[in-house]
N, C-alpha and C. Protein backbone atom coordinates (compact mmCIF):
# COMPACT_ATOMS: atom_id res chain seq x y z
N UNK A 1 81.91 109.02 113.77
CA UNK A 1 80.87 108.08 114.17
C UNK A 1 81.38 106.66 113.96
N UNK A 2 81.24 105.81 114.94
CA UNK A 2 81.70 104.43 114.85
C UNK A 2 80.71 103.58 114.07
N UNK A 3 81.24 102.65 113.29
CA UNK A 3 80.38 101.76 112.52
C UNK A 3 79.94 100.60 113.40
N UNK A 4 78.71 100.12 113.17
CA UNK A 4 78.20 98.98 113.93
C UNK A 4 78.77 97.70 113.36
N UNK A 5 78.99 96.74 114.23
CA UNK A 5 79.46 95.43 113.80
C UNK A 5 78.32 94.43 113.92
N UNK A 6 78.26 93.50 112.97
CA UNK A 6 77.27 92.42 113.02
C UNK A 6 78.02 91.10 113.01
N UNK A 7 77.45 90.10 113.63
CA UNK A 7 78.07 88.78 113.70
C UNK A 7 77.40 87.86 112.69
N UNK A 8 78.19 86.92 112.16
CA UNK A 8 77.65 85.88 111.28
C UNK A 8 77.69 84.56 112.03
N UNK A 9 76.53 83.91 112.16
CA UNK A 9 76.43 82.66 112.91
C UNK A 9 76.22 81.51 111.94
N UNK A 10 76.82 80.37 112.25
CA UNK A 10 76.68 79.15 111.45
C UNK A 10 75.24 78.65 111.56
N UNK A 11 74.67 78.24 110.44
CA UNK A 11 73.28 77.76 110.44
C UNK A 11 73.16 76.36 111.03
N UNK A 12 74.26 75.61 111.11
CA UNK A 12 74.19 74.24 111.62
C UNK A 12 74.49 74.17 113.12
N UNK A 13 75.59 74.75 113.56
CA UNK A 13 75.95 74.64 114.99
C UNK A 13 75.62 75.90 115.77
N UNK A 14 75.39 77.04 115.10
CA UNK A 14 75.00 78.26 115.79
C UNK A 14 76.15 79.09 116.33
N UNK A 15 77.39 78.68 116.12
CA UNK A 15 78.52 79.44 116.65
C UNK A 15 78.74 80.69 115.80
N UNK A 16 79.10 81.77 116.48
CA UNK A 16 79.34 83.05 115.79
C UNK A 16 80.82 83.14 115.45
N UNK A 17 81.14 82.91 114.18
CA UNK A 17 82.53 82.79 113.75
C UNK A 17 83.10 84.05 113.10
N UNK A 18 82.26 84.89 112.51
CA UNK A 18 82.74 86.03 111.73
C UNK A 18 82.03 87.30 112.16
N UNK A 19 82.73 88.43 112.04
CA UNK A 19 82.12 89.74 112.27
C UNK A 19 82.38 90.63 111.07
N UNK A 20 81.42 91.48 110.74
CA UNK A 20 81.52 92.42 109.63
C UNK A 20 81.02 93.77 110.08
N UNK A 21 81.43 94.83 109.39
CA UNK A 21 80.85 96.14 109.66
C UNK A 21 79.56 96.25 108.87
N UNK A 22 78.56 96.87 109.49
CA UNK A 22 77.23 96.92 108.92
C UNK A 22 77.15 97.94 107.79
N UNK A 23 76.43 97.57 106.73
CA UNK A 23 76.11 98.47 105.63
C UNK A 23 74.70 99.00 105.88
N UNK A 24 74.52 100.30 106.16
CA UNK A 24 73.19 100.82 106.50
C UNK A 24 72.20 100.80 105.33
N UNK A 25 72.67 100.65 104.10
CA UNK A 25 71.77 100.66 102.94
C UNK A 25 71.11 99.31 102.68
N UNK A 26 71.62 98.25 103.32
CA UNK A 26 71.09 96.91 103.10
C UNK A 26 69.84 96.70 103.94
N UNK A 27 68.79 96.09 103.36
CA UNK A 27 67.52 95.90 104.06
C UNK A 27 67.35 94.49 104.61
N UNK A 28 67.74 93.46 103.85
CA UNK A 28 67.55 92.08 104.29
C UNK A 28 68.81 91.58 105.00
N UNK A 29 68.66 90.45 105.68
CA UNK A 29 69.79 89.88 106.41
C UNK A 29 70.76 89.19 105.46
N UNK A 30 72.02 89.28 105.80
CA UNK A 30 73.09 88.74 104.96
C UNK A 30 73.22 87.24 105.17
N UNK A 31 73.39 86.48 104.07
CA UNK A 31 73.65 85.04 104.11
C UNK A 31 74.85 84.76 103.22
N UNK A 32 75.91 84.18 103.80
CA UNK A 32 77.14 83.91 103.07
C UNK A 32 77.59 82.49 103.38
N UNK A 33 78.13 81.80 102.37
CA UNK A 33 78.68 80.48 102.60
C UNK A 33 80.14 80.62 103.00
N UNK A 34 80.45 80.23 104.25
CA UNK A 34 81.80 80.37 104.79
C UNK A 34 82.19 79.09 105.52
N UNK A 35 83.48 78.98 105.84
CA UNK A 35 83.99 77.80 106.53
C UNK A 35 83.75 77.93 108.03
N UNK A 36 83.20 76.88 108.64
CA UNK A 36 82.99 76.83 110.09
C UNK A 36 84.04 75.89 110.67
N UNK A 37 84.86 76.41 111.58
CA UNK A 37 85.93 75.58 112.15
C UNK A 37 85.40 74.56 113.14
N UNK A 38 84.17 74.75 113.65
CA UNK A 38 83.60 73.79 114.59
C UNK A 38 82.92 72.63 113.86
N UNK A 39 82.25 72.93 112.72
CA UNK A 39 81.64 71.88 111.90
C UNK A 39 82.67 71.24 110.97
N UNK A 40 83.77 71.95 110.72
CA UNK A 40 84.86 71.51 109.84
C UNK A 40 84.39 71.36 108.39
N UNK A 41 83.50 72.26 107.95
CA UNK A 41 83.03 72.27 106.56
C UNK A 41 82.44 73.64 106.23
N UNK A 42 82.17 73.87 104.96
CA UNK A 42 81.55 75.11 104.51
C UNK A 42 80.05 75.04 104.75
N UNK A 43 79.51 76.05 105.44
CA UNK A 43 78.08 76.11 105.73
C UNK A 43 77.58 77.53 105.50
N UNK A 44 76.26 77.68 105.49
CA UNK A 44 75.65 79.00 105.37
C UNK A 44 75.78 79.72 106.71
N UNK A 45 76.27 80.94 106.68
CA UNK A 45 76.35 81.79 107.87
C UNK A 45 75.38 82.95 107.69
N UNK A 46 74.53 83.18 108.70
CA UNK A 46 73.53 84.22 108.63
C UNK A 46 73.85 85.34 109.62
N UNK A 47 73.44 86.54 109.26
CA UNK A 47 73.64 87.71 110.12
C UNK A 47 72.77 87.60 111.36
N UNK A 48 73.35 87.92 112.52
CA UNK A 48 72.59 87.94 113.76
C UNK A 48 72.55 89.34 114.31
N UNK A 49 71.71 89.56 115.29
CA UNK A 49 71.58 90.89 115.90
C UNK A 49 72.69 91.11 116.90
């Protein structure tokens, strides 16, 4: 069975910079502070559908 992938989008510019494999046990959406190459700084990235 293939694992689902989810995208992480920057909260400031909205670009989808990162992808992760989904953890089926997690209930809430993931929020991680990562570097955005378009904003050129570290911002909060949120999980998108």
